[in-house]
Protein backbone atom coordinates (compact mmCIF):
# COMPACT_ATOMS: atom_id res chain seq x y z
CA MET A 1 0.00 0.00 0.00
CA ARG A 2 1.13 3.58 -0.65
CA LYS A 3 0.04 6.55 1.45
CA LEU A 4 -1.19 9.35 -0.76
CA ALA A 5 -1.58 12.93 0.50
CA VAL A 6 -4.60 14.24 -1.30
CA ALA A 7 -4.25 17.87 -2.35
CA LEU A 8 -7.90 18.34 -3.23
CA PHE A 9 -11.27 16.88 -2.51
CA ILE A 10 -11.53 13.37 -3.95
CA ASN A 11 -14.77 11.51 -4.40
CA ILE A 12 -14.60 7.85 -3.71
CA LEU A 13 -17.20 6.84 -6.26
CA MET A 14 -18.30 3.54 -4.83
CA PHE A 15 -19.22 4.95 -1.43
CA GLY A 16 -19.80 8.61 -2.22
CA VAL A 17 -17.27 9.68 0.44
CA THR A 18 -15.63 13.11 0.28
CA VAL A 19 -12.05 13.21 1.60
CA ASN A 20 -10.57 16.39 3.05
CA ALA A 21 -7.32 17.72 1.54
CA ASN A 22 -5.45 17.12 4.81
CA GLN A 23 -6.50 13.48 5.16
CA VAL A 24 -4.22 10.57 4.28
CA LEU A 25 -5.65 7.77 2.19
CA GLU A 26 -4.31 4.27 1.84
CA VAL A 27 -4.80 3.23 -1.79
CA PRO A 28 -3.51 0.08 -3.53
CA GLU A 29 -0.53 0.85 -5.79
CA THR A 30 -2.30 -0.70 -8.78
CA THR A 31 -5.28 1.60 -8.27
CA LEU A 32 -3.02 4.64 -8.32
CA HIS A 33 -1.24 3.49 -11.46
CA ILE A 34 -4.50 2.89 -13.29
CA ALA A 35 -5.81 6.28 -12.21
CA ARG A 36 -2.72 8.05 -13.56
CA ASN A 37 -2.56 6.15 -16.85
CA ALA A 38 -6.24 6.50 -17.58
CA GLY A 39 -6.03 10.27 -17.44
CA TYR A 40 -8.63 11.01 -14.81
CA SER A 41 -8.24 12.45 -11.34
CA LYS A 42 -10.80 10.41 -9.44
CA ILE A 43 -9.86 7.20 -7.66
CA VAL A 44 -12.39 4.41 -8.02
CA THR A 45 -12.36 1.75 -5.36
CA ALA A 46 -12.78 -1.92 -6.22
CA PRO A 47 -16.43 -2.97 -6.17
CA SER A 48 -17.64 -5.05 -3.30
CA SER A 49 -19.96 -8.01 -3.77
CA LYS A 50 -23.42 -7.15 -4.98
CA ILE A 51 -26.07 -6.87 -2.28
CA VAL A 52 -29.15 -9.07 -1.94
CA ARG A 53 -32.17 -8.42 0.27
CA VAL A 54 -33.51 -11.64 1.82
CA GLY A 55 -36.91 -11.82 3.48
CA ILE A 56 -36.63 -13.82 6.73
CA GLY A 57 -39.56 -16.09 7.55
CA GLN A 58 -40.78 -17.23 10.93
CA ASN A 59 -40.23 -20.77 12.20
CA ASN A 60 -41.34 -23.33 9.61
CA PHE A 61 -41.77 -20.38 7.22
CA THR A 62 -45.38 -19.98 8.29
CA SER A 63 -45.28 -16.25 7.55
CA TYR A 64 -43.00 -13.44 6.46
CA GLU A 65 -44.95 -10.89 8.48
CA TRP A 66 -43.90 -10.23 12.07
CA ASP A 67 -45.72 -8.37 14.86
CA SER A 68 -42.75 -8.47 17.26
CA ALA A 69 -39.15 -9.66 17.25
CA GLU A 70 -36.11 -9.69 19.50
CA ILE A 71 -32.77 -8.84 17.90
CA TYR A 72 -29.33 -9.45 19.41
CA ALA A 73 -25.69 -9.80 18.39
CA ASN A 74 -22.57 -11.53 19.72
CA ALA A 75 -20.69 -8.21 19.56
CA LYS A 76 -21.60 -4.53 19.83
CA ILE A 77 -24.75 -3.75 17.84
CA ASP A 78 -25.54 -0.37 16.26
CA VAL A 79 -29.03 0.92 15.42
CA PHE A 80 -29.79 3.22 12.49
CA SER A 81 -32.91 4.80 11.05
CA ASN A 82 -32.85 6.18 7.50
CA ASN A 83 -29.04 5.83 7.58
CA GLU A 84 -28.82 8.00 10.71
CA TYR A 85 -26.94 6.46 13.62
CA LEU A 86 -29.10 6.34 16.77
CA LYS A 87 -27.61 4.16 19.48
CA SER A 88 -25.29 1.25 20.29
CA PHE A 89 -25.95 -1.73 22.56
CA GLU A 90 -23.48 -4.11 24.17
CA SER A 91 -22.99 -7.69 23.04
CA GLY A 92 -25.81 -10.00 24.09
CA THR A 93 -28.38 -7.24 24.68
CA ILE A 94 -31.86 -8.39 23.67
CA ILE A 95 -33.61 -5.59 21.77
CA LYS A 96 -37.34 -6.12 21.46
CA LEU A 97 -39.20 -4.22 18.78
CA VAL A 98 -42.85 -3.72 17.91
CA ARG A 99 -44.51 -1.47 15.38
CA ILE A 100 -47.04 1.23 16.23
CA GLY A 101 -48.21 3.16 13.19
CA GLN A 102 -45.14 3.98 11.12
CA GLU A 103 -42.82 3.94 14.13
CA PHE A 104 -40.97 1.15 15.91
CA ILE A 105 -40.66 0.94 19.68
CA LEU A 106 -37.36 -0.56 20.84
CA SER A 107 -37.06 -1.82 24.41
CA THR A 108 -34.57 -3.71 26.54
CA GLY A 109 -35.34 -5.41 29.83
CA GLY A 110 -38.97 -4.30 29.50
CA ALA A 111 -38.07 -0.60 29.37
CA GLU A 112 -38.57 1.50 26.26
CA VAL A 113 -35.32 2.98 25.01
CA LEU A 114 -36.09 4.28 21.52
CA LYS A 115 -39.03 5.33 19.39
CA VAL A 116 -37.75 5.11 15.82
CA PRO A 117 -39.23 6.10 12.46
CA SER A 118 -39.05 3.30 9.91
CA PRO A 119 -37.08 1.66 8.52
CA VAL A 120 -34.82 0.46 11.35
CA ARG A 121 -31.44 -1.11 10.61
CA PHE A 122 -29.28 -3.24 12.92
CA LYS A 123 -25.57 -3.63 12.22
CA SER A 124 -22.75 -5.39 14.05
CA ASP A 125 -19.33 -4.74 12.53
CA PHE A 126 -17.56 -7.48 14.48
CA GLY A 127 -20.30 -10.02 15.10
CA LEU A 128 -23.34 -11.87 13.83
CA LEU A 129 -26.93 -10.73 14.24
CA GLY A 130 -29.55 -13.05 15.65
CA ILE A 131 -33.34 -13.22 15.97
CA ARG A 132 -34.27 -14.70 19.33
CA ASN A 133 -36.28 -17.97 19.27
CA LEU A 134 -35.89 -18.31 15.50
CA LYS A 135 -34.43 -21.66 14.49
CA ARG A 136 -32.88 -22.83 11.25
CA ALA A 137 -31.87 -26.48 10.82
CA GLY A 138 -32.31 -26.90 14.58
CA ARG A 139 -29.88 -24.07 15.42
CA ASP A 140 -30.25 -20.46 16.48
CA ALA A 141 -30.70 -18.32 13.37
CA VAL A 142 -27.82 -15.84 13.09
CA TYR A 143 -26.88 -13.72 10.11
CA ARG A 144 -24.01 -11.92 8.47
CA GLY A 145 -24.65 -8.49 6.99
CA GLN A 146 -27.41 -6.29 8.42
CA LEU A 147 -31.01 -6.74 9.51
CA GLU A 148 -33.48 -4.16 8.28
CA ILE A 149 -36.97 -3.84 9.75
CA VAL A 150 -39.51 -2.54 7.23
CA PRO A 151 -43.26 -1.94 7.68
CA CYS A 152 -45.60 -4.05 5.57
CA THR A 153 -49.13 -3.21 4.50
CA LYS A 154 -50.90 -4.70 7.54
CA ASN A 155 -51.13 -2.52 10.64
CA GLY A 156 -48.60 -3.46 13.30
CA LYS A 157 -46.82 -5.91 11.00
CA PHE A 158 -43.32 -5.70 9.55
CA HIS A 159 -40.78 -7.59 7.47
CA ILE A 160 -37.31 -8.60 8.64
CA VAL A 161 -34.83 -8.31 5.78
CA ASN A 162 -31.26 -9.59 5.82
CA VAL A 163 -29.24 -7.15 3.69
CA ILE A 164 -26.11 -9.06 2.76
CA PRO A 165 -23.41 -9.28 0.05
CA VAL A 166 -24.21 -12.01 -2.47
CA GLU A 167 -21.03 -14.00 -1.76
CA GLU A 168 -21.82 -14.06 1.97
CA TYR A 169 -25.44 -14.99 1.23
CA LEU A 170 -24.28 -17.98 -0.83
CA LYS A 171 -22.39 -19.37 2.17
CA GLY A 172 -25.76 -19.79 3.88
CA VAL A 173 -27.38 -21.28 0.76
CA VAL A 174 -25.03 -23.91 -0.65
CA PRO A 175 -24.85 -26.34 2.34
CA ASN A 176 -28.62 -26.12 2.76
CA GLU A 177 -29.37 -26.80 -0.90
CA MET A 178 -26.85 -29.64 -1.26
CA PRO A 179 -25.30 -32.06 1.26
CA VAL A 180 -21.59 -31.32 1.74
CA SER A 181 -21.00 -35.08 1.37
CA PHE A 182 -21.54 -34.59 -2.37
CA GLY A 183 -18.00 -33.19 -2.52
CA LEU A 184 -16.24 -29.97 -3.45
CA GLU A 185 -16.85 -30.06 -7.21
CA ALA A 186 -20.59 -30.69 -6.84
CA LEU A 187 -20.77 -27.91 -4.24
CA LYS A 188 -18.97 -25.57 -6.64
CA ALA A 189 -21.54 -26.39 -9.33
CA GLN A 190 -24.26 -25.62 -6.77
CA ALA A 191 -22.57 -22.34 -5.85
CA VAL A 192 -22.53 -21.16 -9.46
CA ALA A 193 -26.16 -22.20 -10.01
CA ALA A 194 -27.21 -20.43 -6.80
CA ARG A 195 -25.22 -17.31 -7.76
CA ASN A 196 -26.93 -17.25 -11.15
CA TYR A 197 -30.31 -17.67 -9.49
CA VAL A 198 -29.96 -14.68 -7.22
CA LEU A 199 -28.27 -12.41 -9.79
CA SER A 200 -30.68 -13.16 -12.65
CA PRO A 201 -33.41 -10.59 -13.31
CA ARG A 202 -36.62 -11.64 -11.61
CA VAL A 203 -39.93 -10.51 -10.28
CA LYS A 204 -39.11 -9.55 -6.69
CA ALA A 205 -40.60 -11.74 -3.99
CA ASN A 206 -41.88 -8.57 -2.30
CA PRO A 207 -41.28 -4.82 -2.74
CA ASN A 208 -39.22 -4.95 0.47
CA TYR A 209 -36.94 -7.83 -0.52
CA ASP A 210 -35.58 -9.71 -3.53
CA VAL A 211 -35.85 -13.34 -2.41
CA VAL A 212 -37.05 -15.30 0.60
CA ASP A 213 -35.09 -17.78 2.71
CA SER A 214 -37.15 -20.88 1.88
CA VAL A 215 -37.66 -23.28 -1.03
CA ALA A 216 -39.87 -20.60 -2.60
CA SER A 217 -36.55 -19.02 -3.65
CA GLN A 218 -33.42 -20.77 -2.38
CA VAL A 219 -32.97 -22.33 1.05
CA TYR A 220 -30.93 -19.82 3.07
CA PHE A 221 -30.41 -20.63 6.75
CA GLY A 222 -27.76 -18.08 7.71
CA ALA A 223 -24.30 -18.26 9.25
CA ASN A 224 -24.91 -21.02 11.81
CA THR A 225 -25.35 -23.58 9.03
CA GLU A 226 -22.20 -22.73 7.06
CA LYS A 227 -19.68 -25.51 6.46
CA ASP A 228 -15.98 -25.21 5.64
CA LEU A 229 -16.23 -27.21 2.42
CA SER A 230 -19.23 -25.31 1.08
CA ASN A 231 -17.57 -22.00 2.00
CA GLN A 232 -14.56 -23.19 0.02
CA ALA A 233 -16.88 -23.94 -2.92
CA VAL A 234 -18.25 -20.41 -2.80
CA SER A 235 -14.76 -18.90 -2.59
CA GLU A 236 -13.36 -21.01 -5.41
CA THR A 237 -16.16 -19.97 -7.75
CA SER A 238 -16.25 -16.36 -6.57
CA GLY A 239 -17.21 -14.02 -9.38
CA ILE A 240 -18.13 -16.85 -11.78
CA VAL A 241 -21.56 -17.21 -13.40
CA ALA A 242 -23.01 -19.33 -16.21
CA LEU A 243 -23.73 -17.44 -19.44
CA TYR A 244 -25.60 -18.24 -22.63
CA GLY A 245 -24.33 -15.71 -25.12
CA TRP A 246 -23.98 -12.52 -23.10
CA ASP A 247 -26.77 -13.25 -20.64
CA LEU A 248 -26.89 -14.97 -17.26
CA ILE A 249 -28.84 -18.18 -17.54
CA LEU A 250 -31.81 -19.01 -15.36
CA ALA A 251 -30.01 -21.83 -13.56
CA GLN A 252 -32.91 -24.06 -12.57
CA TYR A 253 -32.07 -27.07 -10.44
CA SER A 254 -33.93 -29.76 -8.52
CA SER A 255 -33.13 -32.65 -6.20
CA THR A 256 -33.43 -35.60 -8.58
CA ALA A 257 -34.17 -35.66 -12.30
CA GLY A 258 -34.71 -39.42 -12.40
CA GLY A 259 -32.05 -39.97 -15.07
CA TYR A 260 -33.45 -37.60 -17.68
CA THR A 261 -33.89 -33.82 -17.34
CA GLU A 262 -36.79 -31.99 -19.00
CA SER A 263 -36.98 -28.91 -21.22
CA PHE A 264 -37.94 -25.69 -19.47
CA ALA A 265 -40.98 -25.09 -21.70
CA ASN A 266 -42.55 -28.42 -20.71
CA ALA A 267 -42.41 -27.77 -16.97
CA PHE A 268 -42.98 -24.04 -16.48
CA SER A 269 -45.60 -21.56 -17.60
CA ASP A 270 -44.97 -17.94 -18.49
CA PRO A 271 -45.21 -16.01 -15.18
CA LYS A 272 -47.07 -13.11 -16.81
CA THR A 273 -49.26 -14.61 -19.54
CA LYS A 274 -49.55 -18.15 -18.04
CA LYS A 275 -48.81 -19.56 -21.48
CA PHE A 276 -48.10 -23.29 -21.24
CA PRO A 277 -45.98 -24.85 -22.52
CA SER A 278 -43.94 -21.68 -22.15
CA ASP A 279 -41.29 -20.33 -24.50
CA SER A 280 -38.22 -22.53 -24.60
CA LYS A 281 -34.79 -21.67 -23.20
CA PRO A 282 -32.03 -23.13 -25.40
CA TYR A 283 -29.78 -23.97 -22.46
CA LEU A 284 -32.57 -25.77 -20.55
CA ILE A 285 -33.39 -28.65 -22.86
CA ALA A 286 -34.24 -32.25 -22.08
CA LYS A 287 -31.11 -34.33 -21.66
CA PRO A 288 -30.55 -37.95 -20.61
CA ASP A 289 -27.70 -38.87 -18.29
CA TYR A 290 -26.36 -41.24 -20.94
CA PRO A 291 -26.68 -40.67 -24.69
CA ASN A 292 -28.13 -44.13 -25.38
CA PHE A 293 -31.38 -43.20 -23.57
CA LYS A 294 -34.14 -42.64 -26.11
CA SER A 295 -36.91 -40.06 -25.87
CA LEU A 296 -39.58 -40.99 -23.33
CA ASP A 297 -42.44 -39.00 -24.89
CA THR A 298 -44.67 -42.06 -25.35
CA ASP A 299 -46.45 -44.06 -22.65
CA GLU A 300 -44.61 -47.21 -23.72
CA ALA A 301 -41.15 -45.65 -23.52
CA ALA A 302 -41.93 -43.90 -20.22
CA ALA A 303 -43.23 -47.15 -18.71
CA GLU A 304 -40.13 -49.08 -19.78
CA PHE A 305 -37.89 -46.43 -18.21
CA TYR A 306 -39.70 -45.68 -14.95
CA LYS A 307 -40.62 -49.29 -14.17
CA SER A 308 -36.92 -50.18 -14.30
CA ARG A 309 -33.69 -48.88 -12.78
CA PRO A 310 -31.24 -48.17 -15.60
CA GLU A 311 -27.81 -46.86 -14.67
CA SER A 312 -27.91 -43.08 -14.33
CA PHE A 313 -26.40 -40.20 -12.38
CA ASP A 314 -29.39 -40.14 -10.00
CA VAL A 315 -29.21 -43.73 -8.73
CA ASN A 316 -28.11 -42.70 -5.22
CA SER A 317 -31.28 -40.72 -4.56
CA ARG A 318 -34.05 -42.45 -2.66
CA TYR A 319 -36.40 -40.74 -5.11
CA TYR A 320 -34.66 -42.17 -8.17
CA ARG A 321 -37.60 -44.55 -8.45
CA TRP A 322 -40.79 -44.54 -6.38
CA GLU A 323 -44.30 -45.97 -6.39
CA ARG A 324 -47.67 -44.77 -5.10
CA GLU A 325 -50.93 -46.73 -4.97
CA TRP A 326 -54.57 -45.74 -4.29
CA THR A 327 -57.82 -47.63 -4.10
CA ALA A 328 -60.46 -46.12 -6.34
CA SER A 329 -62.17 -44.47 -3.35
CA GLU A 330 -58.88 -43.06 -2.01
CA PHE A 331 -58.05 -41.70 -5.43
CA GLN A 332 -61.51 -40.16 -5.80
CA SER A 333 -61.21 -38.49 -2.39
CA GLN A 334 -57.77 -37.03 -3.09
CA ILE A 335 -58.77 -35.60 -6.46
CA GLN A 336 -62.02 -34.17 -5.13
CA ALA A 337 -60.23 -32.59 -2.16
CA ASN A 338 -57.54 -30.91 -4.26
CA ILE A 339 -59.10 -30.06 -7.61
CA ALA A 340 -60.72 -26.73 -6.70
CA ALA A 341 -57.46 -25.29 -5.31
CA GLN A 342 -55.49 -26.49 -8.32
CA SER A 343 -58.19 -25.31 -10.71
CA ALA A 344 -57.62 -21.78 -9.34
CA THR A 345 -54.15 -21.85 -10.95
CA GLY A 346 -55.80 -21.71 -14.37
CA PHE A 347 -54.40 -25.02 -15.59
CA ILE A 348 -57.51 -27.20 -15.21
CA THR A 349 -60.42 -26.94 -17.63
CA PRO A 350 -63.28 -26.73 -17.15
CA THR A 351 -62.82 -24.78 -13.93
CA VAL A 352 -63.88 -26.52 -10.72
CA LYS A 353 -65.16 -24.33 -7.89
CA VAL A 354 -65.06 -25.06 -4.17
CA GLY A 355 -67.87 -27.44 -3.25
CA GLU A 356 -68.45 -28.60 -6.83
CA THR A 357 -68.57 -32.39 -7.32
CA ILE A 358 -66.57 -33.73 -10.24
CA GLY A 359 -68.39 -37.04 -10.65
CA GLU A 360 -67.07 -40.58 -10.39
CA ILE A 361 -63.61 -41.02 -11.89
CA GLN A 362 -63.52 -43.62 -14.65
CA ALA A 363 -60.00 -43.27 -16.08
CA ILE A 364 -56.83 -41.19 -16.30
CA ASN A 365 -55.59 -40.61 -19.84
CA VAL A 366 -52.15 -39.09 -20.48
CA LEU A 367 -52.42 -36.78 -23.49
CA ARG A 368 -48.87 -35.36 -23.78
CA ARG A 369 -45.45 -36.11 -22.35
CA GLY A 370 -42.11 -34.30 -22.53
CA GLU A 371 -38.92 -35.97 -23.69
CA SER A 372 -38.14 -37.12 -20.14
CA GLY A 373 -41.56 -38.76 -19.91
CA LYS A 374 -42.83 -35.90 -17.73
CA ILE A 375 -46.59 -35.56 -18.06
CA ILE A 376 -47.46 -32.23 -19.67
CA GLU A 377 -51.18 -32.78 -20.10
CA LEU A 378 -53.66 -35.41 -18.99
CA GLU A 379 -57.40 -36.03 -18.87
CA ILE A 380 -59.47 -37.05 -15.86
CA GLN A 381 -62.46 -38.90 -17.26
CA THR A 382 -65.55 -38.92 -15.02
CA ASP A 383 -69.18 -39.88 -15.51
CA ASN A 384 -70.04 -36.18 -15.28
CA CYS A 385 -67.30 -34.39 -17.26
CA ASN A 386 -63.80 -34.79 -18.62
CA TYR A 387 -61.19 -32.46 -17.09
CA ILE A 388 -57.95 -31.43 -18.80
CA VAL A 389 -55.02 -30.88 -16.42
CA GLN A 390 -51.73 -29.24 -17.45
CA LYS A 391 -48.35 -28.47 -15.88
CA GLU A 392 -46.18 -30.67 -13.70
CA LEU A 393 -46.62 -28.86 -10.37
CA VAL A 394 -50.42 -28.83 -10.75
CA ILE A 395 -50.37 -32.56 -11.51
CA ARG A 396 -48.16 -33.31 -8.52
CA ARG A 397 -50.39 -31.33 -6.14
CA LEU A 398 -53.60 -32.72 -7.58
CA PHE A 399 -52.65 -36.41 -7.43
CA LYS A 400 -51.69 -36.42 -3.77
CA HIS A 401 -51.02 -39.64 -1.90
CA GLN A 402 -51.88 -39.67 1.81
CA GLY A 403 -52.04 -35.90 1.70
CA LYS A 404 -48.60 -35.41 0.15
CA ALA A 405 -47.88 -34.18 -3.37
CA LEU A 406 -46.24 -36.60 -5.78
CA PRO A 407 -42.44 -36.31 -5.91
CA SER A 408 -42.50 -35.53 -9.65
CA ALA A 409 -44.67 -35.73 -12.77
CA ASN A 410 -42.30 -38.26 -14.36
CA LEU A 411 -44.71 -41.14 -13.96
CA VAL A 412 -46.88 -43.75 -15.59
CA PHE A 413 -50.28 -44.91 -14.36
CA GLU A 414 -51.40 -48.51 -14.07
CA GLN A 415 -55.21 -48.68 -13.74
CA LYS A 416 -57.12 -51.79 -12.66
CA TYR A 417 -60.86 -52.40 -13.06
CA ASP A 418 -63.27 -54.77 -11.32
CA GLU A 419 -65.53 -57.27 -13.05
CA SER A 420 -68.22 -54.64 -13.61
CA GLY A 421 -65.77 -52.38 -15.43
CA LYS A 422 -65.46 -49.84 -12.61
CA LEU A 423 -62.10 -48.41 -11.61
CA ASP A 424 -60.76 -50.51 -8.72
CA SER A 425 -57.25 -49.11 -8.06
CA ILE A 426 -54.50 -46.96 -9.52
CA LYS A 427 -50.76 -47.40 -9.17
CA ALA A 428 -48.16 -44.83 -10.18
CA TYR A 429 -44.58 -45.70 -11.12
CA GLY A 430 -42.37 -42.64 -11.06
CA GLY A 431 -38.87 -41.25 -10.95
CA GLY A 432 -37.26 -38.09 -9.64
CA PHE A 433 -38.05 -35.38 -7.12
CA GLY A 434 -38.86 -31.83 -8.20
CA HIS A 435 -39.40 -30.21 -11.57
CA GLY A 436 -36.45 -31.99 -13.17
CA VAL A 437 -35.26 -28.99 -15.21
CA GLY A 438 -31.57 -28.05 -15.29
CA MET A 439 -29.11 -29.48 -12.78
CA SER A 440 -30.00 -32.56 -10.79
CA GLN A 441 -28.36 -32.16 -7.40
CA TYR A 442 -28.06 -35.90 -6.80
CA GLY A 443 -26.75 -36.22 -10.34
CA ALA A 444 -24.13 -33.55 -9.64
CA GLY A 445 -23.03 -35.46 -6.53
CA PHE A 446 -22.70 -38.68 -8.53
CA MET A 447 -20.75 -36.98 -11.31
CA ALA A 448 -18.34 -35.49 -8.78
CA ASN A 449 -17.86 -38.47 -6.45
CA GLU A 450 -18.32 -41.46 -8.75
CA LEU A 451 -17.13 -40.10 -12.10
CA GLY A 452 -14.54 -37.56 -10.92
CA LYS A 453 -16.07 -34.71 -12.91
CA SER A 454 -15.19 -31.09 -12.23
CA PHE A 455 -17.78 -28.43 -11.50
CA ASP A 456 -17.58 -26.98 -15.00
CA GLU A 457 -18.15 -30.42 -16.55
CA ILE A 458 -21.17 -30.90 -14.31
CA LEU A 459 -22.65 -27.53 -15.23
CA LYS A 460 -22.03 -27.98 -18.95
CA HIS A 461 -23.77 -31.35 -18.87
CA TYR A 462 -26.95 -29.98 -17.33
CA TYR A 463 -26.99 -26.56 -19.05
CA SER A 464 -26.46 -26.81 -22.80
CA ASP A 465 -24.00 -24.58 -24.68
CA ILE A 466 -23.11 -22.38 -21.71
CA ILE A 467 -19.84 -20.76 -20.78
CA LEU A 468 -18.50 -20.01 -17.31
CA ALA A 469 -17.33 -16.45 -16.95
CA THR A 470 -17.40 -13.27 -14.94
CA GLU A 471 -20.59 -11.25 -15.17
CA PRO A 472 -20.64 -9.14 -18.38
CA GLU A 473 -20.08 -5.43 -17.85
CA ILE A 474 -19.89 -2.28 -19.95
CA LEU A 475 -16.87 0.01 -19.92
CA SER A 476 -17.38 3.48 -21.34
CA SER A 477 -16.34 7.11 -21.08
CA MET A 478 -18.98 7.66 -18.39
CA VAL A 479 -17.27 8.10 -15.02
CA SER A 480 -19.54 5.51 -13.39
CA GLN A 481 -18.50 2.90 -15.99
CA ILE A 482 -14.86 3.78 -16.54
CA LYS A 483 -13.38 0.89 -14.57
CA THR A 484 -14.17 -2.65 -13.53
CA VAL A 485 -12.37 -5.06 -11.23
CA LYS A 486 -12.85 -8.77 -11.92
CA ARG A 487 -11.89 -11.14 -9.14
CA PHE A 488 -12.24 -14.82 -9.95
CA TRP A 489 -10.77 -18.23 -9.18
CA THR A 490 -9.39 -20.57 -11.83
CA LYS A 491 -8.20 -24.11 -11.27
CA ASN A 492 -5.84 -24.25 -14.25
CA GLY A 493 -4.85 -20.59 -14.65
CA LYS A 494 -6.46 -20.33 -18.09
CA ALA A 495 -8.94 -17.67 -19.22
CA ASN A 496 -9.86 -15.43 -22.16
CA LEU A 497 -10.91 -11.80 -22.12
CA VAL A 498 -13.93 -11.55 -24.44
CA VAL A 499 -14.77 -8.07 -25.76
CA ASP A 500 -17.73 -6.87 -27.81
CA ASN A 501 -15.94 -4.00 -29.57
CA LYS A 502 -18.90 -2.66 -31.55
CA TYR A 503 -17.60 0.92 -31.58
CA GLY A 504 -13.99 0.21 -32.50
CA LEU A 505 -12.05 0.93 -29.31
CA GLU A 506 -8.30 0.55 -29.99
CA TYR A 507 -7.10 -0.67 -26.60
CA LEU A 508 -7.86 -1.13 -22.90
CA ASP A 509 -5.62 -0.38 -19.93
CA ALA A 510 -5.27 -3.32 -17.56
CA VAL A 511 -3.57 -4.55 -14.41
CA ILE A 512 -3.63 -8.36 -14.27
CA ASN A 513 -2.37 -9.81 -10.99
CA GLY A 514 -0.12 -6.77 -10.64
CA TYR A 515 1.14 -6.73 -14.23
CA ASP A 516 0.46 -3.48 -16.10
CA GLU A 517 -0.73 -4.18 -19.62
CA LYS A 518 -2.11 -2.35 -22.62
CA ILE A 519 -4.56 -4.73 -24.29
CA VAL A 520 -4.69 -3.95 -27.99
CA LEU A 521 -8.02 -4.69 -29.67
CA ASP A 522 -8.60 -5.73 -33.27
CA ILE A 523 -10.92 -3.03 -34.62
CA SER A 524 -11.54 -5.04 -37.80
CA GLU A 525 -13.43 -7.64 -35.75
CA ARG A 526 -16.41 -6.88 -33.54
CA TYR A 527 -15.74 -9.69 -31.09
CA ASN A 528 -12.24 -10.04 -29.68
CA VAL A 529 -11.12 -13.13 -27.74
CA ILE A 530 -7.80 -12.45 -26.03
CA ASP A 531 -5.89 -15.17 -24.19
CA ILE A 532 -4.75 -13.69 -20.85
CA SER A 533 -3.54 -17.00 -19.39
CA LYS A 534 0.12 -15.94 -19.28
CA TYR A 535 -0.78 -13.36 -16.63
CA LEU A 536 -2.95 -15.67 -14.54
CA GLN A 537 -2.24 -18.06 -11.72
CA LYS A 538 -3.94 -21.14 -10.38
CA GLY A 539 -6.32 -19.93 -7.70
CA GLU A 540 -7.50 -16.37 -7.16
CA ASN A 541 -6.89 -13.73 -9.81
CA THR A 542 -7.58 -10.01 -10.00
CA VAL A 543 -8.02 -8.25 -13.33
CA THR A 544 -8.56 -4.49 -13.39
CA LEU A 545 -9.75 -3.03 -16.69
CA VAL A 546 -9.96 0.69 -17.39
CA TYR A 547 -11.53 2.55 -20.29
CA PRO A 548 -8.92 4.94 -21.75
CA VAL A 549 -10.81 8.21 -21.76
CA GLU A 550 -8.59 9.78 -24.41
CA GLN A 551 -10.30 7.53 -26.96
CA GLY A 552 -13.49 9.55 -26.71
CA ALA A 553 -17.09 8.64 -26.07
CA LYS A 554 -17.17 4.97 -26.95
CA ALA A 555 -18.00 1.78 -25.06
CA VAL A 556 -17.19 -1.93 -24.93
CA LYS A 557 -18.91 -4.87 -23.33
CA LEU A 558 -16.73 -7.60 -21.84
CA TYR A 559 -16.34 -10.63 -19.61
CA ILE A 560 -13.57 -13.06 -18.67
CA GLU A 561 -14.27 -16.66 -19.70
CA LEU A 562 -12.74 -19.64 -17.93
CA VAL A 563 -11.02 -22.09 -20.30
CA SER A 564 -11.50 -25.79 -19.55
CA ASP A 565 -9.01 -28.58 -20.08
CA TYR A 566 -11.60 -30.85 -21.71
CA ASP A 567 -13.89 -30.92 -24.73
CA ASN A 568 -16.98 -28.81 -23.96
CA ASN A 569 -19.11 -31.12 -26.08
CA GLU A 570 -18.13 -34.25 -24.20
CA ASN A 571 -21.57 -34.59 -22.67
């Protein structure tokens, strides 16, 4: 580090801090060099991890609305309102809060200590924040980052939001979405998928937060559930996402695909229009674990597959194959009990209202299957009406067994009739757990432990034609976009800088692991792929790229792509 006496006011752009001329700053030498060479006077600090807002649910995730809570920390805790510091409390102090109108009342030991306008923010610089009596995975729920208390629409109710850097958030996600016994490479694949999930554009779970801490988003149980190996997986994939073209993929994943993943369009509807099947995603296409598996889009092929146990990546899951059986009366009762609620989703026609009797079920007819054998559309034939049911989640929740939804819609029905021709019983033979689109978590574990595959091989099997890279960014003559710092981990020390040079920029200034470089661009080609491996090292790397302002008002888009040691088309 070099100490720099600042002779004028300097804006630290990332934090908006103004530094007095008499203050002494400590600035990395590489930052100073870049600032001088780029021809601008402002010093731009390296970006921290992006921030995610996580809605914290009550025990068993029964609600995300609270009417009281008790906050504490294992170190000094500071309280803010609208970014204004209010008060500090010693380690272990229990701070109870309730909402009255638009204000929060904070009390300790039964005595009121603060009346605070919303929102309220709790921060502990040297400790973890906890919510008293809240449990996650049987342990006290404690959190990195900050806790923000925000009013919700109901009087007296509020949301608790964990405001946390994405990389810290992932430490509380990965070991709760995947057993650490699956191994480092599988955990790294999970870390990338989870990072993609939270960074991808989405409809926010609530205006006050981006995602929730349950299976409705990703399972996030906080700091008390972190594991060393999963933390290592997050660190060793830090800064890396999965891209299709220049866009982050929607990295869907589920527990067990059953040996054959399904195309996105055949499992999900459009969230806005409810179109089903939805528009396809080219990186989320049906794919068998082994290339000799044929398409399962007929009843005969699906029955052959799901009534047997062929070798696949999912064989270690207890849901690889499963069976469910109902008597005709049990089946009738389950369908009748669930059909009105599922009809409200819009995927059952004609619509069934609460209290309406559907008639005696005579048969179940599968009308359409996906390539994995997943049922897309079926018909419930009754003596009163025939009902068309679409979409895997609706099917799973409609055909409950002993009150529980089916593990998946990858199934075949075996129907038996009595001597009079009436339905006597139904048996389902199925495979998989979850929607079966994208990465199978049990499959990832098998590929890592049994086949010795690396995380990039796992991801490129489940997500077609993707690349693993840093998140694409734009560099331009605008001060807010003049510099980017890419920090990433590479196992083999190989990577390419990929540049969309639409406007003909001649070069970029760079510092790569401390080496000052001028990266010359080929203006005759729009897309430049530049091997930067000679500057990289195995492990963590830092690449700082700066737009040279003397080149005028232009812009480039870029990312750094990891280079694998194997054929990307192997799977």
